[in-house]
Amino acid sequence: MTRAWLVRLGKYGEGEASALKSGILATGWEFDADMSKASDREEILDFLKHQYADEKKGTLQNWAAQLNQFKNEAIIGDLAVVPLKTTREIAIGRISSDYFQADGSSPARKVEWLRTDLPRPAVKQDLRFSLGASQTVCEISRNNAAERLSALATIGSDPGPVFGNSDLDGPADEVVPDSSLAVDLSDLARQQIEQHIEANFSGHGFTELVAAILRAQGYRTEVSPPGPDRGVDIVAGKGALGFEGPKLVVQVKSGSVVVDQPTLQGLLGCIQDTHADNGLLVSWSGFKDTVRRRVNELYFRVRLWDRDEVLDALFVVYEHLPEEVRADLPLKRLWTLVPDDDVA
């Protein structure tokens, strides 16, 4: 039976671009010896004790469990799923090689990519919960995860959990996470906030939310009324009348729209037509590669905000948002103990 494995490619996604291009999943560990002969978790643990002599016992045991899954339990034909940090999309592939060490040092498997641009909202909440696990490698098994990931790779939509099986309990709308996994609580919290915004700030409401964030940042704004806006959703400027720079023209896309190159070109035209200093292009579902490739080229003219940038800006100014916005988007700052780093 096909199994599904979550694989992360660097704390900040630093290994993602290379993996998407080469089809090689190289994890973050680095060895100066070959681990190929380690056939089980205990042998891997012994290997790690020599490689990382100064690490804590619990950390090495955790790493040994993950590496045993990556090396010995995952087989050719299983699915590998990578929640991409650099694009906020999800890549799904089929493992196509046995274990080896990329460049002689990093544990690796080859993968045949099936989908590399899956939007996270396409994945239902229970499965997204499991994808929030903080481990570098772990199996995703609850709620018929492998079958659903296969469907997502093929048709781009999540058929959802099938309840009534012997290992699944609860009503169809119940979230059943992989209980053995350590969950990245900050990522889970962001997912919940994202879902709330998607449900309560769609369409013109999302434009109003972006305008509220800009006002909290010190801009005066004018928002175009609902309907055709000819590329200008918001104009914003500093000073008492909004005449001082930087003067912005803002275009906002909500829902599942992934912004393309013509939309970016339209914004550049609006910057010139309105005599603005800069442009802000906001797209909840992100940007196509043709747009992202121009980030550095347009650095001094345009900023791109996807959902991550929107949330980051929101969190900074949340206390300064109007009371009615905070009532529709009630958030609370929570403090939690940061555990020892147990991932590579």
Protein backbone atom coordinates (compact mmCIF):
# COMPACT_ATOMS: atom_id res chain seq x y z
CA MET A 1 0.00 0.00 0.00
CA THR A 2 1.29 3.45 -0.92
CA ARG A 3 2.34 5.59 2.03
CA ALA A 4 2.84 9.35 2.24
CA TRP A 5 5.84 11.07 3.81
CA LEU A 6 6.24 14.69 4.81
CA VAL A 7 9.72 16.00 3.96
CA ARG A 8 11.01 19.46 4.81
CA LEU A 9 13.92 20.99 2.91
CA GLY A 10 15.61 23.37 5.29
CA LYS A 11 14.45 25.53 8.17
CA TYR A 12 13.86 28.43 5.79
CA GLY A 13 13.26 26.38 2.64
CA GLU A 14 16.83 26.82 1.48
CA GLY A 15 16.88 23.40 -0.21
CA GLU A 16 13.58 23.78 -2.07
CA ALA A 17 14.70 25.42 -5.31
CA SER A 18 17.39 22.82 -5.87
CA ALA A 19 15.00 19.94 -5.09
CA LEU A 20 12.34 21.23 -7.48
CA LYS A 21 14.91 21.54 -10.25
CA SER A 22 16.86 18.32 -9.68
CA GLY A 23 14.22 15.99 -8.27
CA ILE A 24 16.49 15.21 -5.30
CA LEU A 25 15.11 15.49 -1.77
CA ALA A 26 18.21 16.31 0.28
CA THR A 27 17.50 16.76 3.98
CA GLY A 28 19.33 19.16 6.27
CA TRP A 29 21.63 16.67 7.98
CA GLU A 30 25.29 16.58 6.94
CA PHE A 31 27.49 13.49 7.43
CA ASP A 32 31.17 12.85 6.85
CA ALA A 33 30.57 9.09 6.62
CA ASP A 34 28.20 6.80 4.72
CA MET A 35 25.01 5.77 6.52
CA SER A 36 23.87 3.38 3.77
CA LYS A 37 24.55 0.20 5.77
CA ALA A 38 22.43 1.27 8.77
CA SER A 39 19.43 -1.01 8.40
CA ASP A 40 17.26 0.05 11.33
CA ARG A 41 16.67 2.79 13.88
CA GLU A 42 19.21 1.50 16.42
CA GLU A 43 22.00 1.30 13.85
CA ILE A 44 21.17 4.81 12.68
CA LEU A 45 21.26 6.02 16.29
CA ASP A 46 24.72 4.49 16.75
CA PHE A 47 25.83 6.21 13.55
CA LEU A 48 24.49 9.58 14.72
CA LYS A 49 26.25 9.29 18.09
CA HIS A 50 29.55 9.43 16.19
CA GLN A 51 28.44 12.15 13.79
CA TYR A 52 26.93 14.43 16.43
CA ALA A 53 28.78 13.55 19.61
CA ASP A 54 27.77 16.77 21.38
CA GLU A 55 24.02 16.50 20.74
CA LYS A 56 21.54 15.57 23.45
CA LYS A 57 20.40 11.95 23.68
CA GLY A 58 16.75 12.84 23.09
CA THR A 59 17.59 14.86 19.99
CA LEU A 60 19.60 11.99 18.50
CA GLN A 61 16.78 9.53 19.20
CA ASN A 62 14.35 11.87 17.45
CA TRP A 63 16.66 12.25 14.46
CA ALA A 64 17.23 8.50 14.30
CA ALA A 65 13.48 7.87 14.10
CA GLN A 66 13.10 10.40 11.28
CA LEU A 67 16.09 9.14 9.33
CA ASN A 68 14.95 5.54 9.70
CA GLN A 69 11.65 6.49 8.12
CA PHE A 70 13.39 8.38 5.33
CA LYS A 71 15.96 5.67 4.62
CA ASN A 72 14.37 2.32 5.51
CA GLU A 73 10.60 2.68 5.72
CA ALA A 74 9.81 4.90 2.73
CA ILE A 75 10.00 2.83 -0.44
CA ILE A 76 10.06 3.52 -4.15
CA GLY A 77 6.54 4.43 -5.24
CA ASP A 78 5.55 6.12 -1.98
CA LEU A 79 4.48 9.76 -2.04
CA ALA A 80 6.62 12.62 -0.73
CA VAL A 81 4.89 15.88 0.15
CA VAL A 82 6.82 19.10 0.69
CA PRO A 83 5.03 22.17 2.12
CA LEU A 84 7.14 24.84 0.43
CA LYS A 85 8.24 27.70 2.66
CA THR A 86 9.50 29.80 -0.23
CA THR A 87 6.24 29.88 -2.21
CA ARG A 88 3.65 28.76 0.40
CA GLU A 89 2.51 26.12 -2.09
CA ILE A 90 2.74 22.34 -1.78
CA ALA A 91 4.82 19.98 -3.89
CA ILE A 92 3.90 16.30 -4.23
CA GLY A 93 6.12 13.69 -5.82
CA ARG A 94 6.65 9.95 -6.05
CA ILE A 95 9.84 8.52 -4.54
CA SER A 96 11.88 7.02 -7.38
CA SER A 97 15.15 5.86 -5.80
CA ASP A 98 16.63 4.13 -2.81
CA TYR A 99 18.52 6.09 -0.15
CA PHE A 100 21.77 7.79 -1.10
CA GLN A 101 23.82 10.74 0.13
CA ALA A 102 23.73 13.80 -2.10
CA ASP A 103 27.22 15.24 -2.62
CA GLY A 104 28.39 12.41 -0.38
CA SER A 105 27.02 14.01 2.77
CA SER A 106 23.28 14.77 2.90
CA PRO A 107 20.65 11.98 3.21
CA ALA A 108 18.63 12.02 -0.01
CA ARG A 109 16.03 10.28 -2.15
CA LYS A 110 15.13 10.98 -5.76
CA VAL A 111 11.55 11.97 -6.51
CA GLU A 112 9.44 12.27 -9.65
CA TRP A 113 7.42 15.44 -9.17
CA LEU A 114 3.70 15.12 -9.80
CA ARG A 115 2.71 18.63 -8.73
CA THR A 116 4.83 21.52 -7.47
CA ASP A 117 2.36 24.41 -7.32
CA LEU A 118 -0.59 23.13 -5.28
CA PRO A 119 -2.26 25.99 -3.37
CA ARG A 120 -2.56 25.26 0.33
CA PRO A 121 -6.28 26.16 0.43
CA ALA A 122 -6.87 23.16 -1.88
CA VAL A 123 -6.05 20.90 1.10
CA LYS A 124 -8.78 20.40 3.70
CA GLN A 125 -8.08 21.44 7.26
CA ASP A 126 -7.54 18.01 8.82
CA LEU A 127 -4.84 17.17 6.30
CA ARG A 128 -3.29 20.63 6.55
CA PHE A 129 -3.08 20.03 10.31
CA SER A 130 -0.94 16.96 9.69
CA LEU A 131 1.20 18.88 7.19
CA GLY A 132 1.96 21.30 10.03
CA ALA A 133 4.08 18.69 11.82
CA SER A 134 7.41 20.19 12.83
CA GLN A 135 9.59 17.19 11.98
CA THR A 136 11.90 17.17 8.97
CA VAL A 137 10.57 13.72 7.99
CA CYS A 138 7.44 11.91 9.17
CA GLU A 139 4.66 9.75 7.81
CA ILE A 140 1.29 11.35 7.11
CA SER A 141 -1.26 8.58 7.55
CA ARG A 142 -4.47 9.72 9.26
CA ASN A 143 -7.74 10.17 7.40
CA ASN A 144 -6.64 8.29 4.24
CA ALA A 145 -3.91 10.88 3.65
CA ALA A 146 -2.03 8.99 0.92
CA GLU A 147 -5.13 8.56 -1.25
CA ARG A 148 -6.06 12.20 -0.82
CA LEU A 149 -2.57 13.45 -1.64
CA SER A 150 -2.61 11.29 -4.75
CA ALA A 151 -5.90 12.90 -5.78
CA LEU A 152 -4.50 16.36 -5.05
CA ALA A 153 -1.52 15.64 -7.28
CA THR A 154 -3.77 14.38 -10.07
CA ILE A 155 -6.84 16.61 -10.06
CA GLY A 156 -5.85 19.43 -7.70
CA SER A 157 -8.68 18.94 -5.20
CA ASP A 158 -8.94 17.14 -1.87
CA PRO A 159 -11.73 14.52 -1.71
CA GLY A 160 -11.65 14.76 2.07
CA PRO A 161 -11.47 12.09 4.77
CA VAL A 162 -13.40 8.84 4.53
CA PHE A 163 -14.88 8.13 7.93
CA GLY A 164 -16.30 4.85 9.09
CA ASN A 165 -13.04 2.90 8.67
CA SER A 166 -11.82 0.87 11.61
CA ASP A 167 -9.00 3.32 12.41
CA LEU A 168 -11.07 6.45 12.10
CA ASP A 169 -13.60 7.68 14.61
CA GLY A 170 -15.79 10.73 14.89
CA PRO A 171 -18.10 12.73 12.67
CA ALA A 172 -17.14 13.77 9.15
CA ASP A 173 -16.26 17.34 10.16
CA GLU A 174 -13.98 16.32 13.02
CA VAL A 175 -10.27 17.07 12.66
CA VAL A 176 -8.27 13.92 13.36
CA PRO A 177 -4.58 14.85 13.38
CA ASP A 178 -1.62 12.50 13.41
CA SER A 179 -1.54 12.36 17.19
CA SER A 180 2.05 11.14 17.37
CA LEU A 181 3.40 14.20 15.57
CA ALA A 182 4.76 17.34 17.18
CA VAL A 183 2.82 20.15 15.58
CA ASP A 184 4.24 23.55 14.69
CA LEU A 185 1.77 25.59 16.74
CA SER A 186 2.63 28.88 15.06
CA ASP A 187 1.96 27.35 11.64
CA LEU A 188 -1.32 25.86 12.87
CA ALA A 189 -2.37 29.24 14.27
CA ARG A 190 -1.59 30.94 10.97
CA GLN A 191 -3.65 28.33 9.14
CA GLN A 192 -6.63 29.08 11.38
CA ILE A 193 -6.25 32.82 10.86
CA GLU A 194 -5.95 32.30 7.11
CA GLN A 195 -9.17 30.29 7.09
CA HIS A 196 -10.97 33.00 9.06
CA ILE A 197 -9.83 35.70 6.64
CA GLU A 198 -10.84 33.57 3.63
CA ALA A 199 -14.31 33.09 5.11
CA ASN A 200 -14.92 36.62 6.41
CA PHE A 201 -12.89 38.98 4.22
CA SER A 202 -13.49 37.82 0.66
CA GLY A 203 -13.85 40.10 -2.34
CA HIS A 204 -14.11 43.79 -1.47
CA GLY A 205 -13.86 42.95 2.24
CA PHE A 206 -10.27 41.83 1.68
CA THR A 207 -9.50 45.14 -0.03
CA GLU A 208 -10.90 46.96 3.01
CA LEU A 209 -8.70 44.85 5.30
CA VAL A 210 -5.58 45.75 3.30
CA ALA A 211 -6.59 49.43 3.44
CA ALA A 212 -7.02 49.18 7.22
CA ILE A 213 -3.51 47.74 7.55
CA LEU A 214 -2.09 50.59 5.45
CA ARG A 215 -3.91 53.18 7.56
CA ALA A 216 -2.48 51.58 10.70
CA GLN A 217 0.95 51.94 9.08
CA GLY A 218 0.39 55.69 8.80
CA TYR A 219 -1.11 56.10 5.32
CA ARG A 220 -4.21 57.98 4.31
CA THR A 221 -6.16 55.81 1.89
CA GLU A 222 -8.96 55.99 -0.63
CA VAL A 223 -10.64 52.71 -1.58
CA SER A 224 -12.36 52.24 -4.92
CA PRO A 225 -16.01 51.17 -4.63
CA PRO A 226 -16.91 47.54 -5.35
CA GLY A 227 -16.93 46.68 -9.03
CA PRO A 228 -14.51 47.36 -11.91
CA ASP A 229 -11.58 49.45 -10.69
CA ARG A 230 -9.39 49.64 -13.81
CA GLY A 231 -6.44 48.29 -11.83
CA VAL A 232 -6.61 50.66 -8.85
CA ASP A 233 -8.20 49.28 -5.70
CA ILE A 234 -6.52 51.62 -3.22
CA VAL A 235 -4.50 54.82 -3.42
CA ALA A 236 -2.47 55.76 -0.37
CA GLY A 237 -0.14 58.52 0.71
CA LYS A 238 1.43 60.02 3.80
CA GLY A 239 0.71 63.37 5.42
CA ALA A 240 -2.48 65.09 6.55
CA LEU A 241 -3.98 65.07 3.05
CA GLY A 242 -2.17 62.04 1.70
CA PHE A 243 -0.09 64.15 -0.69
CA GLU A 244 3.28 63.21 0.80
CA GLY A 245 5.34 60.25 -0.31
CA PRO A 246 5.70 57.48 -0.68
CA LYS A 247 2.48 57.62 -2.69
CA LEU A 248 1.11 54.15 -3.46
CA VAL A 249 -1.28 52.63 -5.93
CA VAL A 250 -2.53 49.24 -4.72
CA GLN A 251 -4.17 46.35 -6.52
CA VAL A 252 -5.75 43.58 -4.45
CA LYS A 253 -6.72 40.05 -5.48
CA SER A 254 -8.57 37.77 -3.07
CA GLY A 255 -9.78 34.19 -3.33
CA SER A 256 -7.99 31.71 -5.57
CA VAL A 257 -6.62 34.22 -8.09
CA VAL A 258 -2.90 33.65 -8.73
CA VAL A 259 -1.53 36.88 -10.15
CA ASP A 260 0.12 36.70 -13.57
CA GLN A 261 2.44 38.90 -15.61
CA PRO A 262 -0.32 40.94 -17.37
CA THR A 263 -1.71 41.94 -13.97
CA LEU A 264 1.72 43.13 -12.86
CA GLN A 265 2.14 45.07 -16.09
CA GLY A 266 -1.24 46.67 -15.50
CA LEU A 267 -0.13 47.84 -12.07
CA LEU A 268 3.07 49.31 -13.51
CA GLY A 269 0.93 51.26 -15.96
CA CYS A 270 -1.26 52.52 -13.12
CA ILE A 271 1.80 53.76 -11.22
CA GLN A 272 2.69 55.91 -14.22
CA ASP A 273 -0.88 57.06 -14.93
CA THR A 274 -1.56 58.15 -11.33
CA HIS A 275 1.90 59.68 -10.78
CA ALA A 276 2.39 57.40 -7.79
CA ASP A 277 5.82 56.66 -6.40
CA ASN A 278 5.35 52.95 -5.93
CA GLY A 279 2.94 50.07 -6.32
CA LEU A 280 1.72 47.35 -3.98
CA LEU A 281 0.33 44.17 -5.52
CA VAL A 282 -1.58 42.03 -3.02
CA SER A 283 -2.63 38.48 -3.91
CA TRP A 284 -3.99 36.16 -1.25
CA SER A 285 -3.24 33.06 -3.36
CA GLY A 286 0.18 34.21 -4.50
CA PHE A 287 1.97 34.92 -7.74
CA LYS A 288 3.04 32.97 -10.78
CA ASP A 289 6.75 32.37 -11.32
CA THR A 290 6.83 34.95 -14.11
CA VAL A 291 5.89 37.58 -11.53
CA ARG A 292 8.14 36.39 -8.71
CA ARG A 293 11.15 36.34 -11.02
CA ARG A 294 10.83 40.14 -11.32
CA VAL A 295 10.96 40.85 -7.57
CA ASN A 296 14.55 42.12 -7.57
CA GLU A 297 14.17 43.93 -10.89
CA LEU A 298 11.20 45.90 -9.55
CA TYR A 299 12.41 46.19 -5.94
CA PHE A 300 12.34 49.99 -5.88
CA ARG A 301 8.99 50.26 -7.67
CA VAL A 302 6.69 47.43 -6.54
CA ARG A 303 6.14 45.27 -3.49
CA LEU A 304 4.37 41.92 -3.60
CA TRP A 305 2.24 40.76 -0.68
CA ASP A 306 0.92 37.22 -0.60
CA ARG A 307 -0.91 35.79 2.40
CA ASP A 308 2.30 35.58 4.42
CA GLU A 309 3.17 39.24 3.92
CA VAL A 310 -0.44 40.23 4.65
CA LEU A 311 -0.40 38.30 7.93
CA ASP A 312 3.03 39.63 8.91
CA ALA A 313 1.86 43.21 8.33
CA LEU A 314 -1.41 42.49 10.13
CA PHE A 315 0.31 41.16 13.26
CA VAL A 316 2.60 44.21 13.52
CA VAL A 317 -0.25 46.75 13.48
CA TYR A 318 -3.12 44.68 14.88
CA GLU A 319 -3.52 46.75 18.08
CA HIS A 320 -3.86 49.89 15.93
CA LEU A 321 -6.61 48.56 13.66
CA PRO A 322 -10.12 50.00 14.02
CA GLU A 323 -12.28 48.34 16.64
CA GLU A 324 -14.74 47.07 14.03
CA VAL A 325 -11.95 45.29 12.13
CA ARG A 326 -10.63 43.67 15.31
CA ALA A 327 -14.18 42.59 16.17
CA ASP A 328 -14.43 40.78 12.83
CA LEU A 329 -10.92 39.37 13.23
CA PRO A 330 -10.45 38.68 16.95
CA LEU A 331 -6.85 37.70 17.71
CA LYS A 332 -4.95 37.17 20.95
CA ARG A 333 -1.20 37.08 21.45
CA LEU A 334 -0.20 33.81 23.15
CA TRP A 335 3.16 32.97 24.68
CA THR A 336 4.47 29.41 24.67
CA LEU A 337 7.72 27.73 25.64
CA VAL A 338 10.00 27.04 22.69
CA PRO A 339 11.17 23.39 22.87
CA ASP A 340 14.69 22.26 22.10
CA ASP A 341 15.29 22.27 18.37
CA ASP A 342 14.68 18.66 17.35
CA VAL A 343 14.80 18.97 13.58
CA ALA A 344 17.73 19.24 11.27
